[in-house]
Amino acid sequence: LPPVNRREVFRYARAGNPSEPENALLDRCLAELLPSLTYQAAWAEYPVKITGDHLQLGFCETDSADLAKNLRECGRIVLFAATVGIAPDRLAQKYSRVSPVKALFLESVGNERIEALCDVFCAGFDNARPRFSPGYGDLPLALQKEIIAVLDCPRQIGLTLNESLLMTPSKSVTAIMGIR
């Protein structure tokens, strides 16, 4: 994976022009969090058939005008789930009361790392369309249930979904990427 993009971490933390103390705090957060991250992904390829807004994705069928547009001219999809593990959640919870700013920075590092993991994963496929996740546009968030089940995420990468459709660990992504 590429090195941590500090500008992205500060953007997630909404710290537009970080001060010296904020940079020092980020250094401490990185030293504490990075060794605990577990970069993992589960994935599978499926054929795709699009009829109007209706998609046959190989593992399920759904209706989404936005995903149909994203997958136009694609013959197959890569279905994937990725996580950086539970460490960002645990450390942010640990510091949430004693240092809310540190907790925010830990969450922001987790956000940057999961995005970096997804970017590296997606870059490994030629002729790929941008990834598209449940909950984007008109793609139902409930599609995560099928993704997590078909990829066997609890067993493969330790990723689960609660009844409110929230993922644990929270620094995780499920997505569909079209391949032309």
Protein backbone atom coordinates (compact mmCIF):
# COMPACT_ATOMS: atom_id res chain seq x y z
CA LEU A 1 0.00 0.00 0.00
CA PRO A 2 1.13 3.57 -0.50
CA PRO A 3 2.25 5.60 2.51
CA VAL A 4 -0.44 7.35 4.51
CA ASN A 5 -1.68 10.45 2.70
CA ARG A 6 -1.61 12.99 5.52
CA ARG A 7 -3.61 15.53 3.52
CA GLU A 8 -6.42 13.00 3.15
CA VAL A 9 -6.35 12.20 6.86
CA PHE A 10 -6.62 15.90 7.70
CA ARG A 11 -9.42 16.28 5.13
CA TYR A 12 -11.38 13.46 6.79
CA ALA A 13 -10.73 15.12 10.16
CA ARG A 14 -11.82 18.49 8.70
CA ALA A 15 -8.50 20.01 9.77
CA GLY A 16 -7.93 22.18 6.70
CA ASN A 17 -4.63 23.80 7.62
CA PRO A 18 -3.09 21.58 10.30
CA SER A 19 -1.00 23.15 13.02
CA GLU A 20 2.23 21.76 14.44
CA PRO A 21 0.39 20.20 17.42
CA GLU A 22 -2.09 18.53 15.03
CA ASN A 23 0.77 17.12 12.96
CA ALA A 24 2.41 15.81 16.12
CA LEU A 25 -0.87 14.22 17.22
CA LEU A 26 -1.25 12.56 13.82
CA ASP A 27 2.29 11.16 14.17
CA ARG A 28 1.34 9.62 17.53
CA CYS A 29 -1.88 8.20 16.09
CA LEU A 30 -0.03 6.65 13.16
CA ALA A 31 2.56 5.09 15.45
CA GLU A 32 -0.17 3.55 17.59
CA LEU A 33 -2.60 2.47 14.86
CA LEU A 34 -0.62 1.39 11.79
CA PRO A 35 0.98 -1.73 13.32
CA SER A 36 -2.50 -3.00 14.28
CA LEU A 37 -4.16 -2.69 10.86
CA THR A 38 -5.04 -5.87 8.97
CA TYR A 39 -5.52 -5.23 5.26
CA GLN A 40 -7.88 -7.87 3.88
CA ALA A 41 -10.16 -8.34 0.89
CA ALA A 42 -12.52 -11.00 -0.39
CA TRP A 43 -13.71 -10.97 -3.98
CA ALA A 44 -15.27 -12.86 -6.85
CA GLU A 45 -16.03 -12.22 -10.52
CA TYR A 46 -19.47 -12.61 -12.08
CA PRO A 47 -21.06 -11.98 -15.48
CA VAL A 48 -23.40 -8.99 -15.71
CA LYS A 49 -26.50 -8.53 -17.82
CA ILE A 50 -28.28 -5.18 -17.94
CA THR A 51 -31.84 -4.69 -19.20
CA GLY A 52 -32.87 -1.06 -18.68
CA ASP A 53 -32.43 -0.45 -14.96
CA HIS A 54 -32.56 -4.17 -14.10
CA LEU A 55 -29.25 -5.88 -13.41
CA GLN A 56 -28.45 -9.57 -13.31
CA LEU A 57 -25.18 -9.56 -11.37
CA GLY A 58 -24.46 -13.28 -11.21
CA PHE A 59 -24.89 -13.45 -7.44
CA CYS A 60 -28.23 -11.59 -7.35
CA GLU A 61 -30.60 -9.35 -9.29
CA THR A 62 -31.44 -5.74 -8.46
CA ASP A 63 -32.79 -2.55 -9.99
CA SER A 64 -30.58 0.54 -10.09
CA ALA A 65 -30.42 3.14 -12.85
CA ASP A 66 -27.21 4.52 -11.33
CA LEU A 67 -25.39 1.18 -11.24
CA ALA A 68 -26.69 0.29 -14.71
CA LYS A 69 -25.16 3.52 -16.02
CA ASN A 70 -21.86 2.79 -14.22
CA LEU A 71 -21.72 -0.74 -15.66
CA ARG A 72 -22.66 0.20 -19.23
CA GLU A 73 -20.52 -1.74 -21.73
CA CYS A 74 -19.24 -4.11 -19.01
CA GLY A 75 -19.46 -7.86 -19.47
CA ARG A 76 -18.52 -8.81 -15.96
CA ILE A 77 -18.18 -7.43 -12.46
CA VAL A 78 -15.76 -7.81 -9.62
CA LEU A 79 -17.64 -8.02 -6.36
CA PHE A 80 -15.48 -7.25 -3.35
CA ALA A 81 -15.37 -6.48 0.33
CA ALA A 82 -12.35 -4.97 2.05
CA THR A 83 -11.43 -4.03 5.60
CA VAL A 84 -8.50 -2.68 7.59
CA GLY A 85 -9.68 -4.51 10.69
CA ILE A 86 -11.09 -3.63 14.08
CA ALA A 87 -8.14 -1.58 15.41
CA PRO A 88 -9.46 1.86 14.31
CA ASP A 89 -12.80 1.14 16.01
CA ARG A 90 -11.20 -0.08 19.24
CA LEU A 91 -8.68 2.75 19.53
CA ALA A 92 -11.22 5.46 18.64
CA GLN A 93 -13.55 4.05 21.30
CA LYS A 94 -10.70 3.93 23.82
CA TYR A 95 -9.89 7.62 23.30
CA SER A 96 -13.41 8.95 22.66
CA ARG A 97 -13.86 10.35 26.18
CA VAL A 98 -10.32 11.27 27.16
CA SER A 99 -9.22 12.75 23.83
CA PRO A 100 -12.00 13.25 21.27
CA VAL A 101 -9.56 14.88 18.84
CA LYS A 102 -7.29 11.83 18.98
CA ALA A 103 -10.32 9.59 18.45
CA LEU A 104 -11.25 11.69 15.40
CA PHE A 105 -7.73 11.42 13.99
CA LEU A 106 -7.71 7.64 14.52
CA GLU A 107 -11.04 7.36 12.68
CA SER A 108 -9.66 9.57 9.90
CA VAL A 109 -6.55 7.40 9.50
CA GLY A 110 -8.84 4.37 9.25
CA ASN A 111 -10.88 6.13 6.55
CA GLU A 112 -7.76 6.99 4.56
CA ARG A 113 -6.35 3.46 4.88
CA ILE A 114 -9.53 1.68 3.74
CA GLU A 115 -9.76 4.00 0.73
CA ALA A 116 -6.09 3.37 -0.07
CA LEU A 117 -6.67 -0.39 0.17
CA CYS A 118 -9.66 -0.18 -2.19
CA ASP A 119 -7.72 1.98 -4.64
CA VAL A 120 -4.82 -0.49 -4.74
CA PHE A 121 -7.20 -3.45 -5.10
CA CYS A 122 -9.14 -1.82 -7.96
CA ALA A 123 -5.94 -0.75 -9.75
CA GLY A 124 -5.11 -4.43 -10.16
CA PHE A 125 -7.84 -4.86 -12.80
CA ASP A 126 -7.53 -3.68 -16.41
CA ASN A 127 -10.42 -1.81 -18.04
CA ALA A 128 -12.21 -1.35 -14.72
CA ARG A 129 -14.99 1.15 -14.08
CA PRO A 130 -15.07 3.11 -10.81
CA ARG A 131 -16.25 1.03 -7.87
CA PHE A 132 -19.87 1.46 -6.81
CA SER A 133 -21.07 0.61 -3.31
CA PRO A 134 -24.49 -0.23 -1.90
CA GLY A 135 -26.07 2.98 -0.65
CA TYR A 136 -24.62 5.11 -3.48
CA GLY A 137 -27.26 6.70 -5.67
CA ASP A 138 -30.25 4.41 -6.01
CA LEU A 139 -28.39 1.16 -5.26
CA PRO A 140 -30.06 -0.30 -2.16
CA LEU A 141 -27.92 -0.45 0.97
CA ALA A 142 -29.59 -3.79 1.74
CA LEU A 143 -27.57 -5.33 -1.14
CA GLN A 144 -24.71 -5.54 1.40
CA LYS A 145 -26.46 -8.58 2.91
CA GLU A 146 -26.04 -10.55 -0.32
CA ILE A 147 -22.47 -9.34 -0.86
CA ILE A 148 -21.35 -10.27 2.64
CA ALA A 149 -23.08 -13.65 2.37
CA VAL A 150 -21.83 -14.65 -1.08
CA LEU A 151 -18.24 -13.62 -0.29
CA ASP A 152 -18.45 -15.38 3.10
CA CYS A 153 -17.03 -12.22 4.69
CA PRO A 154 -17.42 -13.25 8.34
CA ARG A 155 -15.19 -16.25 7.77
CA GLN A 156 -12.92 -14.85 5.05
CA ILE A 157 -12.10 -11.37 6.44
CA GLY A 158 -14.00 -11.01 9.73
CA LEU A 159 -16.56 -8.56 8.30
CA THR A 160 -20.13 -8.71 9.60
CA LEU A 161 -23.32 -6.71 9.15
CA ASN A 162 -25.80 -5.84 11.87
CA GLU A 163 -29.59 -5.50 11.53
CA SER A 164 -29.19 -1.77 10.81
CA LEU A 165 -26.87 -2.64 7.88
CA LEU A 166 -23.80 -1.22 9.63
CA MET A 167 -20.56 -3.08 9.03
CA THR A 168 -18.15 -4.25 11.72
CA PRO A 169 -15.33 -3.35 11.50
CA SER A 170 -16.59 0.07 10.46
CA LYS A 171 -13.53 0.82 8.30
CA SER A 172 -14.73 -1.56 5.63
CA VAL A 173 -16.16 -1.31 2.13
CA THR A 174 -18.35 -3.50 -0.06
CA ALA A 175 -18.47 -2.63 -3.75
CA ILE A 176 -19.14 -3.66 -7.32
CA MET A 177 -16.65 -2.80 -10.04
CA GLY A 178 -17.46 -3.25 -13.71
CA ILE A 179 -14.90 -4.74 -16.11
CA ARG A 180 -15.19 -3.93 -19.82
